[in-house]
Amino acid sequence: MGDNHYRRYVEHRRRTHPGEPILSEREYWRMRHAAAESNPQSRCC
């Protein structure tokens, strides 16, 4: 449940935005949670 999201994010950034900064894992999850809170959608939990 989300264990590979950050890894996929890093791979995407390296492939499509080479040389640009990559968020730390902590920053990534903060961004994801903030986005989910500001734009609620139906979810299972």
PDB file of N, CA and C in Angstrom:
ATOM      1  N   MET A   1       0.833  -1.183   0.000  1.00  0.00           N
ATOM      2  CA  MET A   1       0.000   0.000   0.000  1.00  0.00           C
ATOM      3  C   MET A   1       0.875   1.243   0.000  1.00  0.00           C
ATOM      4  N   GLY A   2       1.316   1.639  -1.162  1.00  0.00           N
ATOM      5  CA  GLY A   2       2.093   2.852  -1.279  1.00  0.00           C
ATOM      6  C   GLY A   2       3.572   2.688  -1.052  1.00  0.00           C
ATOM      7  N   ASP A   3       4.019   1.454  -0.827  1.00  0.00           N
ATOM      8  CA  ASP A   3       5.426   1.259  -0.502  1.00  0.00           C
ATOM      9  C   ASP A   3       6.360   1.567  -1.667  1.00  0.00           C
ATOM     10  N   ASN A   4       5.856   1.569  -2.889  1.00  0.00           N
ATOM     11  CA  ASN A   4       6.730   1.861  -4.022  1.00  0.00           C
ATOM     12  C   ASN A   4       6.452   3.226  -4.643  1.00  0.00           C
ATOM     13  N   HIS A   5       5.561   4.012  -4.072  1.00  0.00           N
ATOM     14  CA  HIS A   5       5.224   5.320  -4.639  1.00  0.00           C
ATOM     15  C   HIS A   5       6.435   6.239  -4.708  1.00  0.00           C
ATOM     16  N   TYR A   6       7.168   6.329  -3.634  1.00  0.00           N
ATOM     17  CA  TYR A   6       8.323   7.237  -3.632  1.00  0.00           C
ATOM     18  C   TYR A   6       9.372   6.775  -4.635  1.00  0.00           C
ATOM     19  N   ARG A   7       9.633   5.485  -4.694  1.00  0.00           N
ATOM     20  CA  ARG A   7      10.610   4.966  -5.657  1.00  0.00           C
ATOM     21  C   ARG A   7      10.184   5.295  -7.084  1.00  0.00           C
ATOM     22  N   ARG A   8       8.904   5.132  -7.382  1.00  0.00           N
ATOM     23  CA  ARG A   8       8.402   5.458  -8.722  1.00  0.00           C
ATOM     24  C   ARG A   8       8.513   6.950  -9.000  1.00  0.00           C
ATOM     25  N   TYR A   9       8.245   7.785  -7.989  1.00  0.00           N
ATOM     26  CA  TYR A   9       8.396   9.227  -8.133  1.00  0.00           C
ATOM     27  C   TYR A   9       9.840   9.580  -8.492  1.00  0.00           C
ATOM     28  N   VAL A  10      10.802   9.003  -7.776  1.00  0.00           N
ATOM     29  CA  VAL A  10      12.219   9.291  -8.033  1.00  0.00           C
ATOM     30  C   VAL A  10      12.595   8.848  -9.445  1.00  0.00           C
ATOM     31  N   GLU A  11      12.175   7.667  -9.839  1.00  0.00           N
ATOM     32  CA  GLU A  11      12.476   7.182 -11.188  1.00  0.00           C
ATOM     33  C   GLU A  11      11.886   8.108 -12.241  1.00  0.00           C
ATOM     34  N   HIS A  12      10.670   8.546 -12.046  1.00  0.00           N
ATOM     35  CA  HIS A  12      10.018   9.469 -12.978  1.00  0.00           C
ATOM     36  C   HIS A  12      10.779  10.790 -13.071  1.00  0.00           C
ATOM     37  N   ARG A  13      11.133  11.353 -11.920  1.00  0.00           N
ATOM     38  CA  ARG A  13      11.850  12.641 -11.923  1.00  0.00           C
ATOM     39  C   ARG A  13      13.187  12.521 -12.637  1.00  0.00           C
ATOM     40  N   ARG A  14      13.913  11.447 -12.387  1.00  0.00           N
ATOM     41  CA  ARG A  14      15.214  11.262 -13.033  1.00  0.00           C
ATOM     42  C   ARG A  14      15.068  11.097 -14.541  1.00  0.00           C
ATOM     43  N   ARG A  15      14.026  10.403 -14.960  1.00  0.00           N
ATOM     44  CA  ARG A  15      13.827  10.121 -16.374  1.00  0.00           C
ATOM     45  C   ARG A  15      13.301  11.344 -17.133  1.00  0.00           C
ATOM     46  N   THR A  16      12.332  12.057 -16.555  1.00  0.00           N
ATOM     47  CA  THR A  16      11.671  13.132 -17.281  1.00  0.00           C
ATOM     48  C   THR A  16      12.155  14.533 -16.919  1.00  0.00           C
ATOM     49  N   HIS A  17      12.860  14.670 -15.804  1.00  0.00           N
ATOM     50  CA  HIS A  17      13.345  15.981 -15.366  1.00  0.00           C
ATOM     51  C   HIS A  17      14.795  15.879 -14.886  1.00  0.00           C
ATOM     52  N   PRO A  18      15.692  15.403 -15.742  1.00  0.00           N
ATOM     53  CA  PRO A  18      17.087  15.214 -15.295  1.00  0.00           C
ATOM     54  C   PRO A  18      17.715  16.536 -14.849  1.00  0.00           C
ATOM     55  N   GLY A  19      18.478  16.449 -13.786  1.00  0.00           N
ATOM     56  CA  GLY A  19      19.170  17.628 -13.279  1.00  0.00           C
ATOM     57  C   GLY A  19      18.339  18.490 -12.352  1.00  0.00           C
ATOM     58  N   GLU A  20      17.031  18.248 -12.277  1.00  0.00           N
ATOM     59  CA  GLU A  20      16.186  19.029 -11.380  1.00  0.00           C
ATOM     60  C   GLU A  20      16.166  18.371 -10.005  1.00  0.00           C
ATOM     61  N   PRO A  21      15.904  19.153  -8.973  1.00  0.00           N
ATOM     62  CA  PRO A  21      15.894  18.591  -7.612  1.00  0.00           C
ATOM     63  C   PRO A  21      14.800  17.535  -7.431  1.00  0.00           C
ATOM     64  N   ILE A  22      15.075  16.593  -6.555  1.00  0.00           N
ATOM     65  CA  ILE A  22      14.122  15.545  -6.203  1.00  0.00           C
ATOM     66  C   ILE A  22      13.802  15.702  -4.727  1.00  0.00           C
ATOM     67  N   LEU A  23      12.520  15.686  -4.401  1.00  0.00           N
ATOM     68  CA  LEU A  23      12.118  15.806  -3.009  1.00  0.00           C
ATOM     69  C   LEU A  23      12.666  14.640  -2.194  1.00  0.00           C
ATOM     70  N   SER A  24      12.978  14.913  -0.944  1.00  0.00           N
ATOM     71  CA  SER A  24      13.331  13.817  -0.044  1.00  0.00           C
ATOM     72  C   SER A  24      12.070  12.988   0.187  1.00  0.00           C
ATOM     73  N   GLU A  25      12.231  11.790   0.706  1.00  0.00           N
ATOM     74  CA  GLU A  25      11.058  10.949   0.939  1.00  0.00           C
ATOM     75  C   GLU A  25      10.097  11.621   1.911  1.00  0.00           C
ATOM     76  N   ARG A  26      10.632  12.262   2.909  1.00  0.00           N
ATOM     77  CA  ARG A  26       9.785  12.960   3.881  1.00  0.00           C
ATOM     78  C   ARG A  26       9.008  14.095   3.208  1.00  0.00           C
ATOM     79  N   GLU A  27       9.681  14.897   2.377  1.00  0.00           N
ATOM     80  CA  GLU A  27       9.012  15.987   1.661  1.00  0.00           C
ATOM     81  C   GLU A  27       7.945  15.449   0.702  1.00  0.00           C
ATOM     82  N   TYR A  28       8.272  14.341   0.053  1.00  0.00           N
ATOM     83  CA  TYR A  28       7.334  13.724  -0.887  1.00  0.00           C
ATOM     84  C   TYR A  28       6.034  13.348  -0.183  1.00  0.00           C
ATOM     85  N   TRP A  29       6.153  12.662   0.954  1.00  0.00           N
ATOM     86  CA  TRP A  29       4.946  12.229   1.653  1.00  0.00           C
ATOM     87  C   TRP A  29       4.174  13.409   2.231  1.00  0.00           C
ATOM     88  N   ARG A  30       4.862  14.447   2.662  1.00  0.00           N
ATOM     89  CA  ARG A  30       4.161  15.656   3.125  1.00  0.00           C
ATOM     90  C   ARG A  30       3.345  16.251   1.988  1.00  0.00           C
ATOM     91  N   MET A  31       3.946  16.324   0.786  1.00  0.00           N
ATOM     92  CA  MET A  31       3.260  16.860  -0.376  1.00  0.00           C
ATOM     93  C   MET A  31       2.038  16.000  -0.714  1.00  0.00           C
ATOM     94  N   ARG A  32       2.214  14.687  -0.703  1.00  0.00           N
ATOM     95  CA  ARG A  32       1.094  13.782  -1.031  1.00  0.00           C
ATOM     96  C   ARG A  32      -0.052  13.942  -0.039  1.00  0.00           C
ATOM     97  N   HIS A  33       0.263  13.987   1.251  1.00  0.00           N
ATOM     98  CA  HIS A  33      -0.787  14.112   2.265  1.00  0.00           C
ATOM     99  C   HIS A  33      -1.460  15.477   2.184  1.00  0.00           C
ATOM    100  N   ALA A  34      -0.703  16.534   1.941  1.00  0.00           N
ATOM    101  CA  ALA A  34      -1.281  17.866   1.816  1.00  0.00           C
ATOM    102  C   ALA A  34      -2.217  17.923   0.606  1.00  0.00           C
ATOM    103  N   ALA A  35      -1.823  17.306  -0.498  1.00  0.00           N
ATOM    104  CA  ALA A  35      -2.663  17.290  -1.691  1.00  0.00           C
ATOM    105  C   ALA A  35      -3.956  16.512  -1.437  1.00  0.00           C
ATOM    106  N   ALA A  36      -3.853  15.405  -0.729  1.00  0.00           N
ATOM    107  CA  ALA A  36      -5.038  14.608  -0.422  1.00  0.00           C
ATOM    108  C   ALA A  36      -5.991  15.369   0.498  1.00  0.00           C
ATOM    109  N   GLU A  37      -5.441  16.115   1.430  1.00  0.00           N
ATOM    110  CA  GLU A  37      -6.272  16.884   2.357  1.00  0.00           C
ATOM    111  C   GLU A  37      -6.940  18.070   1.669  1.00  0.00           C
ATOM    112  N   SER A  38      -6.232  18.721   0.746  1.00  0.00           N
ATOM    113  CA  SER A  38      -6.789  19.893   0.086  1.00  0.00           C
ATOM    114  C   SER A  38      -7.734  19.542  -1.054  1.00  0.00           C
ATOM    115  N   ASN A  39      -7.681  18.302  -1.524  1.00  0.00           N
ATOM    116  CA  ASN A  39      -8.528  17.849  -2.621  1.00  0.00           C
ATOM    117  C   ASN A  39      -9.101  16.482  -2.288  1.00  0.00           C
ATOM    118  N   PRO A  40     -10.014  16.411  -1.319  1.00  0.00           N
ATOM    119  CA  PRO A  40     -10.516  15.101  -0.884  1.00  0.00           C
ATOM    120  C   PRO A  40     -11.310  14.402  -1.989  1.00  0.00           C
ATOM    121  N   GLN A  41     -11.087  13.129  -2.100  1.00  0.00           N
ATOM    122  CA  GLN A  41     -11.819  12.267  -3.032  1.00  0.00           C
ATOM    123  C   GLN A  41     -12.274  11.056  -2.257  1.00  0.00           C
ATOM    124  N   SER A  42     -13.199  10.324  -2.808  1.00  0.00           N
ATOM    125  CA  SER A  42     -13.630   9.127  -2.096  1.00  0.00           C
ATOM    126  C   SER A  42     -12.476   8.143  -2.016  1.00  0.00           C
ATOM    127  N   ARG A  43     -12.313   7.552  -0.860  1.00  0.00           N
ATOM    128  CA  ARG A  43     -11.273   6.564  -0.625  1.00  0.00           C
ATOM    129  C   ARG A  43     -11.777   5.549   0.384  1.00  0.00           C
ATOM    130  N   CYS A  44     -11.101   4.456   0.465  1.00  0.00           N
ATOM    131  CA  CYS A  44     -11.596   3.357   1.288  1.00  0.00           C
ATOM    132  C   CYS A  44     -11.455   3.600   2.780  1.00  0.00           C
ATOM    133  N   CYS A  45     -10.513   4.408   3.214  1.00  0.00           N
ATOM    134  CA  CYS A  45     -10.257   4.574   4.654  1.00  0.00           C
ATOM    135  C   CYS A  45     -10.370   6.012   5.100  1.00  0.00           C
TER     136      CYS A  45
END
